[in-house]
N, C-alpha and C. Protein backbone atom coordinates (compact mmCIF):
# COMPACT_ATOMS: atom_id res chain seq x y z
N MET A 1 0.83 -1.20 0.00
CA MET A 1 0.00 0.00 0.00
C MET A 1 0.85 1.24 0.00
N ASP A 2 1.94 1.18 0.74
CA ASP A 2 2.86 2.32 0.80
C ASP A 2 3.54 2.52 -0.53
N ASN A 3 3.85 1.43 -1.19
CA ASN A 3 4.52 1.55 -2.49
C ASN A 3 3.60 2.18 -3.52
N ARG A 4 2.29 1.87 -3.44
CA ARG A 4 1.35 2.45 -4.37
C ARG A 4 1.21 3.97 -4.14
N LYS A 5 1.20 4.34 -2.85
CA LYS A 5 1.10 5.77 -2.55
C LYS A 5 2.32 6.52 -3.07
N LYS A 6 3.48 5.91 -2.84
CA LYS A 6 4.71 6.56 -3.30
C LYS A 6 4.71 6.67 -4.81
N LEU A 7 4.26 5.60 -5.49
CA LEU A 7 4.23 5.61 -6.94
C LEU A 7 3.24 6.66 -7.44
N GLY A 8 2.12 6.80 -6.78
CA GLY A 8 1.13 7.78 -7.19
C GLY A 8 1.64 9.21 -7.02
N ILE A 9 2.35 9.39 -5.90
CA ILE A 9 2.91 10.73 -5.67
C ILE A 9 3.94 11.08 -6.72
N LEU A 10 4.79 10.10 -7.09
CA LEU A 10 5.82 10.34 -8.11
C LEU A 10 5.19 10.65 -9.46
N ILE A 11 4.09 9.93 -9.76
CA ILE A 11 3.43 10.17 -11.04
C ILE A 11 2.86 11.58 -11.07
N ILE A 12 2.26 11.99 -9.94
CA ILE A 12 1.68 13.33 -9.89
C ILE A 12 2.77 14.41 -10.05
N ILE A 13 3.90 14.21 -9.35
CA ILE A 13 5.00 15.19 -9.43
C ILE A 13 5.55 15.24 -10.84
N PHE A 14 5.71 14.07 -11.47
CA PHE A 14 6.23 14.03 -12.84
C PHE A 14 5.29 14.74 -13.80
N SER A 15 3.97 14.51 -13.58
CA SER A 15 2.98 15.14 -14.45
C SER A 15 3.04 16.66 -14.33
N LEU A 16 3.18 17.11 -13.07
CA LEU A 16 3.27 18.55 -12.86
C LEU A 16 4.50 19.15 -13.54
N LEU A 17 5.63 18.46 -13.47
CA LEU A 17 6.86 18.94 -14.11
C LEU A 17 6.69 19.01 -15.63
N VAL A 18 6.03 18.01 -16.18
CA VAL A 18 5.80 18.00 -17.63
C VAL A 18 4.90 19.17 -18.03
N ILE A 19 3.84 19.40 -17.25
CA ILE A 19 2.92 20.50 -17.55
C ILE A 19 3.65 21.85 -17.46
N ALA A 20 4.49 21.95 -16.39
CA ALA A 20 5.24 23.21 -16.23
C ALA A 20 6.19 23.43 -17.40
N ALA A 21 6.83 22.34 -17.87
CA ALA A 21 7.75 22.48 -19.00
C ALA A 21 7.02 22.90 -20.26
N ILE A 22 5.83 22.32 -20.46
CA ILE A 22 5.04 22.66 -21.64
C ILE A 22 4.63 24.13 -21.60
N ILE A 23 4.17 24.57 -20.44
CA ILE A 23 3.76 25.99 -20.31
C ILE A 23 4.94 26.91 -20.58
N TYR A 24 6.13 26.55 -20.07
CA TYR A 24 7.32 27.39 -20.27
C TYR A 24 7.68 27.50 -21.73
N PHE A 25 7.80 26.35 -22.41
CA PHE A 25 8.25 26.38 -23.80
C PHE A 25 7.19 26.91 -24.77
N VAL A 26 5.92 26.66 -24.45
CA VAL A 26 4.88 27.06 -25.38
C VAL A 26 4.50 28.53 -25.22
N PHE A 27 4.40 28.99 -23.98
CA PHE A 27 3.88 30.35 -23.74
C PHE A 27 4.96 31.35 -23.33
N ILE A 28 5.63 31.03 -22.23
CA ILE A 28 6.58 32.01 -21.67
C ILE A 28 7.74 32.28 -22.62
N ARG A 29 8.36 31.29 -23.19
CA ARG A 29 9.51 31.48 -24.06
C ARG A 29 9.15 32.22 -25.34
N GLN A 30 7.93 31.90 -25.87
CA GLN A 30 7.51 32.59 -27.08
C GLN A 30 7.28 34.08 -26.83
N ILE A 31 6.66 34.37 -25.67
CA ILE A 31 6.41 35.79 -25.36
C ILE A 31 7.72 36.53 -25.16
N GLY A 32 8.67 35.97 -24.43
CA GLY A 32 9.96 36.63 -24.20
C GLY A 32 10.80 36.72 -25.44
N GLY A 33 10.65 35.83 -26.37
CA GLY A 33 11.50 35.84 -27.55
C GLY A 33 10.95 36.63 -28.70
N GLU A 34 9.69 37.04 -28.60
CA GLU A 34 9.12 37.80 -29.70
C GLU A 34 9.79 39.16 -29.81
N PRO A 35 10.16 39.58 -30.99
CA PRO A 35 10.76 40.91 -31.16
C PRO A 35 9.73 41.99 -30.87
N SER A 36 10.21 43.11 -30.28
CA SER A 36 9.32 44.22 -29.96
C SER A 36 8.80 44.84 -31.25
N PRO A 37 7.55 45.21 -31.24
CA PRO A 37 6.96 45.77 -32.47
C PRO A 37 7.62 47.09 -32.83
N THR A 38 7.82 47.30 -34.08
CA THR A 38 8.45 48.53 -34.57
C THR A 38 7.40 49.52 -34.97
N ALA A 39 7.75 50.81 -34.87
CA ALA A 39 6.80 51.85 -35.24
C ALA A 39 6.54 51.80 -36.73
N PRO A 40 5.35 52.03 -37.13
CA PRO A 40 5.04 52.00 -38.56
C PRO A 40 5.78 53.10 -39.30
N VAL A 41 6.26 52.76 -40.47
CA VAL A 41 7.00 53.71 -41.30
C VAL A 41 6.05 54.33 -42.30
N ALA A 42 6.00 55.68 -42.25
CA ALA A 42 5.12 56.38 -43.18
C ALA A 42 5.70 56.34 -44.57
N THR A 43 4.89 56.18 -45.53
CA THR A 43 5.33 56.16 -46.91
C THR A 43 4.81 57.39 -47.61
N SER A 44 5.54 57.84 -48.59
CA SER A 44 5.14 59.01 -49.35
C SER A 44 5.63 58.88 -50.76
N THR A 45 4.86 59.43 -51.66
CA THR A 45 5.26 59.37 -53.06
C THR A 45 6.38 60.35 -53.36
N GLY A 46 6.50 61.44 -52.52
CA GLY A 46 7.56 62.43 -52.71
C GLY A 46 8.78 62.08 -51.87
N GLN A 47 9.96 62.41 -52.35
CA GLN A 47 11.19 62.11 -51.63
C GLN A 47 11.54 63.27 -50.71
N LEU A 48 11.72 62.97 -49.43
CA LEU A 48 12.08 63.99 -48.45
C LEU A 48 13.58 64.23 -48.49
N PRO A 49 14.04 65.48 -48.21
CA PRO A 49 15.48 65.74 -48.19
C PRO A 49 16.13 65.04 -47.01
N GLU A 50 17.31 64.53 -47.24
CA GLU A 50 18.06 63.89 -46.16
C GLU A 50 18.48 64.93 -45.14
N GLU A 51 18.43 64.57 -43.86
CA GLU A 51 18.79 65.49 -42.79
C GLU A 51 20.31 65.54 -42.67
N THR A 52 20.87 66.72 -42.73
CA THR A 52 22.31 66.90 -42.57
C THR A 52 22.55 67.99 -41.54
N GLU A 53 23.79 68.14 -41.10
CA GLU A 53 24.15 69.15 -40.12
C GLU A 53 24.01 70.56 -40.68
N ASP A 54 24.02 70.70 -42.00
CA ASP A 54 23.97 72.02 -42.60
C ASP A 54 22.55 72.55 -42.71
N VAL A 55 21.54 71.68 -42.48
CA VAL A 55 20.16 72.11 -42.61
C VAL A 55 19.77 72.90 -41.37
N VAL A 56 19.38 74.14 -41.53
CA VAL A 56 18.99 74.99 -40.40
C VAL A 56 17.67 75.67 -40.73
N VAL A 57 16.99 76.06 -39.68
CA VAL A 57 15.78 76.84 -39.88
C VAL A 57 16.16 78.30 -39.83
N PRO A 58 15.35 79.21 -40.36
CA PRO A 58 15.72 80.64 -40.43
C PRO A 58 16.09 81.25 -39.10
N SER A 59 15.50 80.75 -38.00
CA SER A 59 15.78 81.36 -36.70
C SER A 59 17.10 80.91 -36.10
N ASP A 60 17.73 79.87 -36.68
CA ASP A 60 18.97 79.36 -36.10
C ASP A 60 20.14 80.29 -36.32
N LYS A 61 20.21 80.93 -37.46
CA LYS A 61 21.35 81.78 -37.79
C LYS A 61 20.87 83.11 -38.35
N PRO A 62 21.61 84.21 -38.07
CA PRO A 62 21.22 85.50 -38.66
C PRO A 62 21.46 85.48 -40.16
N ARG A 63 20.78 86.37 -40.83
CA ARG A 63 20.98 86.46 -42.27
C ARG A 63 22.40 86.90 -42.58
N ASN A 64 22.89 86.48 -43.71
CA ASN A 64 24.28 86.75 -44.07
C ASN A 64 24.41 88.15 -44.64
N TYR A 65 24.29 89.15 -43.74
CA TYR A 65 24.46 90.53 -44.18
C TYR A 65 25.94 90.82 -44.43
N GLN A 66 26.21 91.78 -45.26
CA GLN A 66 27.58 92.17 -45.51
C GLN A 66 28.16 92.86 -44.28
N GLN A 67 29.31 92.42 -43.83
CA GLN A 67 29.91 92.97 -42.63
C GLN A 67 30.40 94.40 -42.88
N TYR A 68 30.24 95.24 -41.82
CA TYR A 68 30.62 96.65 -41.93
C TYR A 68 32.13 96.80 -41.77
N ASP A 69 32.74 97.47 -42.69
CA ASP A 69 34.19 97.70 -42.65
C ASP A 69 34.41 99.19 -42.40
N ILE A 70 34.83 99.50 -41.16
CA ILE A 70 34.99 100.90 -40.79
C ILE A 70 36.12 101.57 -41.56
N SER A 71 37.06 100.78 -42.07
CA SER A 71 38.18 101.36 -42.81
C SER A 71 37.72 101.98 -44.13
N LYS A 72 36.54 101.56 -44.62
CA LYS A 72 36.02 102.09 -45.88
C LYS A 72 35.13 103.31 -45.66
N GLU A 73 34.91 103.65 -44.38
CA GLU A 73 34.09 104.82 -44.08
C GLU A 73 34.83 106.10 -44.48
N VAL A 74 34.11 106.99 -45.11
CA VAL A 74 34.71 108.26 -45.54
C VAL A 74 35.01 109.10 -44.30
N ALA A 75 36.23 109.58 -44.19
CA ALA A 75 36.64 110.37 -43.03
C ALA A 75 35.83 111.66 -42.95
N HIS A 76 35.41 112.00 -41.73
CA HIS A 76 34.61 113.21 -41.54
C HIS A 76 35.50 114.44 -41.68
N THR A 77 35.07 115.38 -42.47
CA THR A 77 35.79 116.63 -42.64
C THR A 77 35.20 117.67 -41.69
N VAL A 78 36.06 118.25 -40.87
CA VAL A 78 35.62 119.25 -39.90
C VAL A 78 35.06 120.46 -40.65
N ASN A 79 33.86 120.86 -40.26
CA ASN A 79 33.23 122.00 -40.92
C ASN A 79 33.03 123.14 -39.92
N ALA A 80 32.35 124.19 -40.36
CA ALA A 80 32.16 125.37 -39.53
C ALA A 80 31.34 125.06 -38.28
N ASP A 81 30.35 124.19 -38.40
CA ASP A 81 29.54 123.83 -37.24
C ASP A 81 30.38 123.13 -36.17
N ASP A 82 31.31 122.29 -36.61
CA ASP A 82 32.20 121.61 -35.67
C ASP A 82 33.06 122.62 -34.92
N ILE A 83 33.56 123.60 -35.65
CA ILE A 83 34.39 124.64 -35.01
C ILE A 83 33.55 125.45 -34.03
N ALA A 84 32.30 125.70 -34.36
CA ALA A 84 31.42 126.45 -33.46
C ALA A 84 31.19 125.67 -32.16
N LYS A 85 31.01 124.37 -32.25
CA LYS A 85 30.84 123.56 -31.05
C LYS A 85 32.10 123.57 -30.19
N LEU A 86 33.25 123.48 -30.86
CA LEU A 86 34.52 123.54 -30.13
C LEU A 86 34.68 124.89 -29.45
N ALA A 87 34.31 125.94 -30.15
CA ALA A 87 34.42 127.30 -29.59
C ALA A 87 33.53 127.46 -28.36
N SER A 88 32.32 126.91 -28.42
CA SER A 88 31.40 127.01 -27.29
C SER A 88 31.96 126.32 -26.05
N SER A 89 32.49 125.12 -26.23
CA SER A 89 33.08 124.39 -25.10
C SER A 89 34.33 125.08 -24.57
N PHE A 90 35.15 125.60 -25.49
CA PHE A 90 36.37 126.29 -25.10
C PHE A 90 36.04 127.55 -24.30
N ALA A 91 35.04 128.29 -24.72
CA ALA A 91 34.67 129.54 -24.04
C ALA A 91 34.22 129.27 -22.60
N GLU A 92 33.44 128.22 -22.40
CA GLU A 92 32.97 127.91 -21.05
C GLU A 92 34.13 127.56 -20.13
N ARG A 93 35.09 126.78 -20.64
CA ARG A 93 36.25 126.40 -19.82
C ARG A 93 37.18 127.58 -19.60
N LEU A 94 37.39 128.38 -20.63
CA LEU A 94 38.28 129.53 -20.50
C LEU A 94 37.71 130.56 -19.52
N GLY A 95 36.40 130.74 -19.57
CA GLY A 95 35.78 131.77 -18.75
C GLY A 95 35.36 131.32 -17.37
N SER A 96 35.63 130.08 -16.99
CA SER A 96 35.27 129.57 -15.66
C SER A 96 36.54 129.22 -14.90
N PHE A 97 36.83 130.00 -13.88
CA PHE A 97 38.06 129.77 -13.11
C PHE A 97 37.89 130.33 -11.71
N SER A 98 38.80 129.99 -10.82
CA SER A 98 38.77 130.52 -9.45
C SER A 98 40.17 130.49 -8.86
N ASN A 99 40.38 131.34 -7.85
CA ASN A 99 41.68 131.32 -7.18
C ASN A 99 41.83 130.06 -6.32
N GLN A 100 40.72 129.45 -5.94
CA GLN A 100 40.77 128.23 -5.15
C GLN A 100 41.32 127.06 -5.96
N SER A 101 41.00 127.02 -7.24
CA SER A 101 41.50 125.95 -8.11
C SER A 101 42.82 126.34 -8.76
N ASN A 102 43.35 127.51 -8.36
CA ASN A 102 44.65 127.99 -8.86
C ASN A 102 44.64 128.15 -10.39
N TYR A 103 43.44 128.46 -10.95
CA TYR A 103 43.30 128.75 -12.38
C TYR A 103 43.79 127.59 -13.26
N SER A 104 43.49 126.36 -12.80
CA SER A 104 43.96 125.17 -13.53
C SER A 104 43.23 124.97 -14.85
N ASN A 105 42.12 125.69 -15.07
CA ASN A 105 41.38 125.53 -16.32
C ASN A 105 42.23 125.89 -17.53
N PHE A 106 43.16 126.82 -17.37
CA PHE A 106 44.02 127.20 -18.49
C PHE A 106 44.97 126.06 -18.87
N ASP A 107 45.44 125.35 -17.87
CA ASP A 107 46.29 124.19 -18.15
C ASP A 107 45.51 123.11 -18.89
N ASP A 108 44.23 122.92 -18.51
CA ASP A 108 43.41 121.91 -19.17
C ASP A 108 43.17 122.24 -20.64
N LEU A 109 43.15 123.52 -20.97
CA LEU A 109 42.85 123.94 -22.34
C LEU A 109 44.10 124.06 -23.22
N SER A 110 45.26 123.83 -22.66
CA SER A 110 46.50 124.07 -23.41
C SER A 110 46.61 123.20 -24.67
N ILE A 111 45.99 121.99 -24.64
CA ILE A 111 46.10 121.10 -25.81
C ILE A 111 45.27 121.63 -26.99
N PHE A 112 44.38 122.59 -26.73
CA PHE A 112 43.57 123.16 -27.80
C PHE A 112 44.12 124.51 -28.27
N MET A 113 45.30 124.88 -27.81
CA MET A 113 45.88 126.18 -28.14
C MET A 113 47.11 126.03 -29.02
N THR A 114 47.35 127.08 -29.82
CA THR A 114 48.61 127.16 -30.54
C THR A 114 49.71 127.56 -29.56
N ALA A 115 50.96 127.50 -30.00
CA ALA A 115 52.08 127.85 -29.12
C ALA A 115 51.99 129.30 -28.65
N SER A 116 51.62 130.20 -29.56
CA SER A 116 51.51 131.61 -29.18
C SER A 116 50.37 131.84 -28.20
N MET A 117 49.28 131.09 -28.36
CA MET A 117 48.15 131.22 -27.44
C MET A 117 48.53 130.69 -26.06
N ARG A 118 49.30 129.61 -26.00
CA ARG A 118 49.76 129.09 -24.71
C ARG A 118 50.66 130.08 -24.01
N THR A 119 51.48 130.76 -24.76
CA THR A 119 52.35 131.79 -24.16
C THR A 119 51.53 132.89 -23.53
N TRP A 120 50.48 133.34 -24.26
CA TRP A 120 49.60 134.36 -23.70
C TRP A 120 48.90 133.85 -22.45
N ALA A 121 48.40 132.61 -22.48
CA ALA A 121 47.67 132.04 -21.35
C ALA A 121 48.56 131.95 -20.11
N ASP A 122 49.81 131.55 -20.30
CA ASP A 122 50.73 131.45 -19.16
C ASP A 122 50.94 132.82 -18.51
N SER A 123 51.11 133.84 -19.34
CA SER A 123 51.30 135.20 -18.80
C SER A 123 50.04 135.69 -18.10
N TYR A 124 48.87 135.38 -18.68
CA TYR A 124 47.61 135.82 -18.09
C TYR A 124 47.38 135.15 -16.73
N VAL A 125 47.71 133.88 -16.63
CA VAL A 125 47.53 133.17 -15.36
C VAL A 125 48.43 133.74 -14.29
N LEU A 126 49.69 134.02 -14.63
CA LEU A 126 50.60 134.61 -13.65
C LEU A 126 50.07 135.95 -13.14
N LYS A 127 49.56 136.76 -14.05
CA LYS A 127 49.02 138.06 -13.69
C LYS A 127 47.77 137.93 -12.79
N THR A 128 46.89 137.01 -13.16
CA THR A 128 45.65 136.83 -12.40
C THR A 128 45.91 136.25 -11.02
N ARG A 129 46.85 135.33 -10.94
CA ARG A 129 47.20 134.76 -9.64
C ARG A 129 47.77 135.83 -8.71
N ALA A 130 48.55 136.74 -9.28
CA ALA A 130 49.14 137.81 -8.46
C ALA A 130 48.07 138.77 -7.97
N GLU A 131 47.07 139.03 -8.83
CA GLU A 131 46.02 139.99 -8.47
C GLU A 131 44.99 139.39 -7.51
N ASN A 132 44.75 138.08 -7.63
CA ASN A 132 43.73 137.43 -6.80
C ASN A 132 44.27 136.14 -6.20
N PRO A 133 45.25 136.24 -5.30
CA PRO A 133 45.80 135.02 -4.68
C PRO A 133 44.78 134.40 -3.73
N TYR A 134 44.87 133.10 -3.55
CA TYR A 134 43.94 132.43 -2.64
C TYR A 134 44.51 132.47 -1.23
N ASN A 135 43.83 133.18 -0.35
CA ASN A 135 44.25 133.29 1.05
C ASN A 135 43.10 132.93 1.98
N GLY A 136 42.24 132.06 1.48
CA GLY A 136 41.07 131.65 2.25
C GLY A 136 39.80 132.33 1.78
N SER A 137 39.96 133.42 1.02
CA SER A 137 38.79 134.14 0.47
C SER A 137 38.62 133.76 -0.98
N TYR A 138 37.43 133.30 -1.30
CA TYR A 138 37.16 132.78 -2.64
C TYR A 138 36.89 133.89 -3.64
N TYR A 139 37.47 133.72 -4.83
CA TYR A 139 37.14 134.58 -5.98
C TYR A 139 37.04 133.66 -7.20
N GLY A 140 35.97 133.80 -7.97
CA GLY A 140 35.84 132.97 -9.15
C GLY A 140 34.76 133.47 -10.09
N ILE A 141 34.82 132.97 -11.31
CA ILE A 141 33.84 133.31 -12.34
C ILE A 141 33.39 132.01 -13.02
N THR A 142 32.10 131.86 -13.19
CA THR A 142 31.56 130.73 -13.96
C THR A 142 30.95 131.28 -15.24
N THR A 143 31.13 130.55 -16.32
CA THR A 143 30.68 131.02 -17.64
C THR A 143 29.90 129.92 -18.34
N LYS A 144 28.79 130.31 -18.95
CA LYS A 144 27.97 129.37 -19.72
C LYS A 144 27.72 129.95 -21.10
N ALA A 145 28.04 129.14 -22.13
CA ALA A 145 27.80 129.58 -23.51
C ALA A 145 26.31 129.53 -23.82
N VAL A 146 25.80 130.59 -24.43
CA VAL A 146 24.36 130.66 -24.76
C VAL A 146 24.12 130.79 -26.25
N GLY A 147 25.18 130.88 -27.04
CA GLY A 147 25.00 130.99 -28.49
C GLY A 147 26.33 131.19 -29.19
N THR A 148 26.37 130.87 -30.47
CA THR A 148 27.58 131.05 -31.27
C THR A 148 27.24 131.71 -32.59
N GLU A 149 28.20 132.44 -33.12
CA GLU A 149 28.06 133.07 -34.43
C GLU A 149 29.34 132.80 -35.22
N ILE A 150 29.18 132.22 -36.40
CA ILE A 150 30.33 131.93 -37.27
C ILE A 150 30.62 133.18 -38.09
N LYS A 151 31.67 133.89 -37.73
CA LYS A 151 32.04 135.11 -38.45
C LYS A 151 32.75 134.77 -39.75
N SER A 152 33.59 133.76 -39.71
CA SER A 152 34.29 133.36 -40.94
C SER A 152 34.81 131.93 -40.78
N PHE A 153 34.90 131.24 -41.92
CA PHE A 153 35.45 129.89 -41.94
C PHE A 153 36.03 129.66 -43.33
N ASP A 154 37.34 129.51 -43.41
CA ASP A 154 38.02 129.33 -44.69
C ASP A 154 38.91 128.10 -44.60
N GLU A 155 38.43 127.00 -45.21
CA GLU A 155 39.18 125.74 -45.16
C GLU A 155 40.50 125.85 -45.90
N GLU A 156 40.51 126.55 -47.04
CA GLU A 156 41.74 126.66 -47.84
C GLU A 156 42.81 127.46 -47.10
N LYS A 157 42.41 128.55 -46.48
CA LYS A 157 43.38 129.37 -45.73
C LYS A 157 43.60 128.84 -44.32
N ALA A 158 42.78 127.86 -43.92
CA ALA A 158 42.91 127.21 -42.61
C ALA A 158 42.74 128.19 -41.46
N VAL A 159 41.75 129.08 -41.59
CA VAL A 159 41.46 130.05 -40.52
C VAL A 159 39.96 130.12 -40.31
N ALA A 160 39.57 130.49 -39.08
CA ALA A 160 38.16 130.65 -38.76
C ALA A 160 38.04 131.60 -37.59
N GLU A 161 36.86 132.22 -37.49
CA GLU A 161 36.60 133.12 -36.37
C GLU A 161 35.17 132.90 -35.90
N ILE A 162 35.03 132.64 -34.60
CA ILE A 162 33.72 132.36 -34.00
C ILE A 162 33.52 133.31 -32.83
N ILE A 163 32.30 133.85 -32.72
CA ILE A 163 31.94 134.66 -31.56
C ILE A 163 30.96 133.85 -30.70
N VAL A 164 31.32 133.71 -29.43
CA VAL A 164 30.49 132.93 -28.50
C VAL A 164 29.84 133.89 -27.52
N GLY A 165 28.51 133.85 -27.47
CA GLY A 165 27.79 134.64 -26.48
C GLY A 165 27.72 133.87 -25.17
N THR A 166 28.06 134.53 -24.04
CA THR A 166 28.10 133.84 -22.76
C THR A 166 27.33 134.59 -21.68
N GLN A 167 26.91 133.83 -20.70
CA GLN A 167 26.33 134.37 -19.48
C GLN A 167 27.32 134.07 -18.36
N ARG A 168 27.77 135.14 -17.64
CA ARG A 168 28.84 134.98 -16.65
C ARG A 168 28.37 135.41 -15.26
N ARG A 169 28.93 134.75 -14.26
CA ARG A 169 28.60 135.07 -12.86
C ARG A 169 29.92 135.17 -12.08
N GLU A 170 30.17 136.35 -11.55
CA GLU A 170 31.41 136.60 -10.80
C GLU A 170 31.10 136.65 -9.30
N VAL A 171 31.89 135.91 -8.54
CA VAL A 171 31.80 135.95 -7.07
C VAL A 171 33.08 136.61 -6.57
N LYS A 172 32.94 137.75 -5.94
CA LYS A 172 34.09 138.53 -5.51
C LYS A 172 34.58 138.08 -4.13
N ILE A 173 35.77 138.53 -3.77
CA ILE A 173 36.37 138.14 -2.50
C ILE A 173 35.52 138.59 -1.32
N ASP A 174 34.88 139.73 -1.46
CA ASP A 174 34.05 140.25 -0.36
C ASP A 174 32.67 139.59 -0.30
N GLY A 175 32.44 138.61 -1.21
CA GLY A 175 31.17 137.90 -1.23
C GLY A 175 30.15 138.48 -2.17
N GLY A 176 30.43 139.63 -2.73
CA GLY A 176 29.51 140.23 -3.68
C GLY A 176 29.45 139.44 -4.98
N GLU A 177 28.34 139.54 -5.67
CA GLU A 177 28.16 138.81 -6.92
C GLU A 177 27.83 139.78 -8.05
N ASN A 178 28.22 139.39 -9.25
CA ASN A 178 27.98 140.21 -10.44
C ASN A 178 27.61 139.29 -11.59
N ASN A 179 26.42 139.44 -12.11
CA ASN A 179 25.96 138.65 -13.26
C ASN A 179 25.93 139.54 -14.50
N PHE A 180 26.51 139.04 -15.58
CA PHE A 180 26.56 139.85 -16.80
C PHE A 180 26.72 138.95 -18.02
N THR A 181 26.41 139.50 -19.18
CA THR A 181 26.63 138.80 -20.44
C THR A 181 27.86 139.38 -21.11
N GLN A 182 28.57 138.52 -21.85
CA GLN A 182 29.80 138.97 -22.51
C GLN A 182 30.10 138.05 -23.68
N ASN A 183 30.54 138.63 -24.78
CA ASN A 183 30.92 137.85 -25.95
C ASN A 183 32.42 137.57 -25.94
N LEU A 184 32.76 136.37 -26.41
CA LEU A 184 34.16 135.99 -26.55
C LEU A 184 34.44 135.71 -28.02
N ARG A 185 35.38 136.43 -28.59
CA ARG A 185 35.76 136.23 -29.99
C ARG A 185 36.98 135.31 -30.03
N LEU A 186 36.84 134.19 -30.72
CA LEU A 186 37.91 133.20 -30.80
C LEU A 186 38.42 133.08 -32.24
N SER A 187 39.74 133.12 -32.39
CA SER A 187 40.38 132.93 -33.69
C SER A 187 40.97 131.52 -33.74
N PHE A 188 40.70 130.82 -34.82
CA PHE A 188 41.21 129.45 -35.00
C PHE A 188 42.15 129.39 -36.20
N VAL A 189 43.14 128.52 -36.10
CA VAL A 189 43.99 128.19 -37.23
C VAL A 189 44.13 126.67 -37.27
N LYS A 190 44.33 126.16 -38.47
CA LYS A 190 44.49 124.72 -38.65
C LYS A 190 45.97 124.39 -38.77
N GLN A 191 46.47 123.58 -37.85
CA GLN A 191 47.88 123.19 -37.84
C GLN A 191 47.98 121.68 -37.74
N ASN A 192 48.71 121.09 -38.69
CA ASN A 192 48.91 119.63 -38.70
C ASN A 192 47.57 118.87 -38.64
N GLY A 193 46.59 119.40 -39.36
CA GLY A 193 45.31 118.73 -39.45
C GLY A 193 44.38 118.98 -38.29
N ARG A 194 44.77 119.82 -37.33
CA ARG A 194 43.94 120.11 -36.16
C ARG A 194 43.62 121.59 -36.08
N TRP A 195 42.36 121.89 -35.72
CA TRP A 195 41.95 123.27 -35.52
C TRP A 195 42.26 123.67 -34.09
N LEU A 196 43.07 124.74 -33.93
CA LEU A 196 43.51 125.20 -32.61
C LEU A 196 43.16 126.67 -32.41
N VAL A 197 42.95 127.02 -31.15
CA VAL A 197 42.63 128.41 -30.82
C VAL A 197 43.93 129.24 -30.85
N ASP A 198 43.90 130.29 -31.62
CA ASP A 198 45.10 131.14 -31.76
C ASP A 198 44.91 132.50 -31.11
N GLY A 199 43.69 132.80 -30.65
CA GLY A 199 43.44 134.08 -29.99
C GLY A 199 42.09 134.08 -29.33
N ALA A 200 41.99 134.74 -28.15
CA ALA A 200 40.72 134.83 -27.43
C ALA A 200 40.59 136.25 -26.90
N TYR A 201 39.47 136.89 -27.23
CA TYR A 201 39.28 138.30 -26.89
C TYR A 201 37.90 138.53 -26.30
N TRP A 202 37.86 138.91 -25.03
CA TRP A 202 36.57 139.22 -24.39
C TRP A 202 36.14 140.62 -24.86
N GLU A 203 34.94 140.71 -25.37
CA GLU A 203 34.44 141.99 -25.83
C GLU A 203 33.75 142.72 -24.67
N LYS A 204 33.84 144.04 -24.68
CA LYS A 204 33.26 144.86 -23.61
C LYS A 204 31.74 144.81 -23.67
């Protein structure tokens, strides 16, 4: 009786192993071995361009405009209006000074002067410093250009004359103030390609 039970158990176990093997080879192996489905490929009667690295959309790169070459730019020729602007700036600096700053404005303007004008400026500064030395009491004048008049401009002769209208404010040592208008007549000459101030005359 025991042998029959053992034999029956063995038969049942063997049957189960056979069933398991059949399930593995028939179902599980087929499912695991099947290739994954591929995406459908669209077909078209027209041929599409091959994709290359050179293919770009308009927003990827700027348009191929011609590059600007500054060396081909026509050099600007200084005209009468340019001299008038220079005269206006020069007049404000020339006419604004104080004993507290030791009249340094004349030194700042020396690069815009001819040699003879610098000689005059040096003498004028020495004279003004002697007349109004700084001893703790302030003396100074501020000047603002309010207009210019081109009296003459001759490119061939390399000379020009500009009159600058100014508004001036003088603060005296005693604290008194004086406001007045005054014209400055400036003479220009062209030397080595540069327009320089050759004379400055305050009109009464």
